[in-house]
Amino acid sequence: MAARAPHGSNQPPKIIYKKIYIEGHGGHHGGAWKVAYADFVTAMMAFFLLMWLLGATNEKQRKALADYFSPTLIQMKQNSAGSNGMFGGSSITDKDNYPHKAQQTGTRSMTVPVEATGGLQVGTGEKGSMKNKMALGMEDQKNFEKMRRRVTMAMASNPKLARLGKHVRFMRTQDGMRIDLLDDADYSMFSLGTTALEPEASKLIGLIAESIGTMENPIMIRGHTDGLGYGDPLEMNNWMLSSSRAEATRRRLASGGIPEQRFNRIEGVADREPMIAANKMDPRNRRVAITLLYRAGSFGE
């Protein structure tokens, strides 16, 4: 604002500046409190949601929720392409790594401990479990072959047992050595429909017991029947007959000197595993299988 100059004076008018301060009416018209209030409401909502979850879920569900928000070590490693860095300084084609194929489901860092040591021959040392098991397997195979020769020669030298030669079959399986005692149309190891061993069959099983008596292999016995049924299956059936014949064979081996602890499994499968699948009534389906199982290796033995 310019003031009027004095009369008769050539002085320029004075300019007076008036500053007006407009004071605010408090900070409540600003937006900062709204942000703080929104954070508070969000935190309270999360708190009440957490309390509701704790009350509405069981321990297993809470563990699953926790794992979802905080993945376990295995889940983290599963998403890390098998390493915590760029292959961990190793090549993707290392010999101790997993095969890198489309069907691969695991990674080395997922299943092998970080501080694990070893190589391609782990477990094959002098007392390693792999070498021990392989050595036992090779020894068992040699013993099986010796036993087969002993039984075959003993049968051939006995006129009464020689005619049963075609009823005995030795078969090497993934479980061990199986000895099948077979029936045919002319001869049956058991009296028809019973668990009573024929005299020659009893002598044959006694001969087998003598041949395997010094071995340590566990024994499995399985009974089989043909498809011929009974009038009243509730009274008697092939399941009962096959299992009873397996048990009768076990008793005969036990009376021949086989200790009780060597019997690993005694079972009957009726006509469910026929040797002649095309004809379940074929008498050759009636048989008892005595299997000498491979010994299970144990570390350090």
Foldseek 3Di string as FASTA:
>chain_A
DWDDDDPPDPDGTDDDDDDDDDDDPDPPVDCPVVVVVVVVVVVVVVVVVVVVCVVPDDPVVVVVVVCVVPPDPLVVCVVVQQDPDDCPPDDPPDPPWDDDDPPDDDTCPNPPPPPDDDDPCPQCPPQRQVVQQVVLVVVQVVLVVVLVVQLQVVQCVDVLSVVQPVQWDWDQDPFAIKIKRFDAPVDDQADPPALHGDPSSLVSLLSSLVSCQVPQFAKEKEWEFFPDFDPDVVVPGQQVRRLSNQVSSVVSSVVSPHDPVRHDYGGYDYQPDAPPVVHSRGRRSGIMMMGRGRDRTDGPD
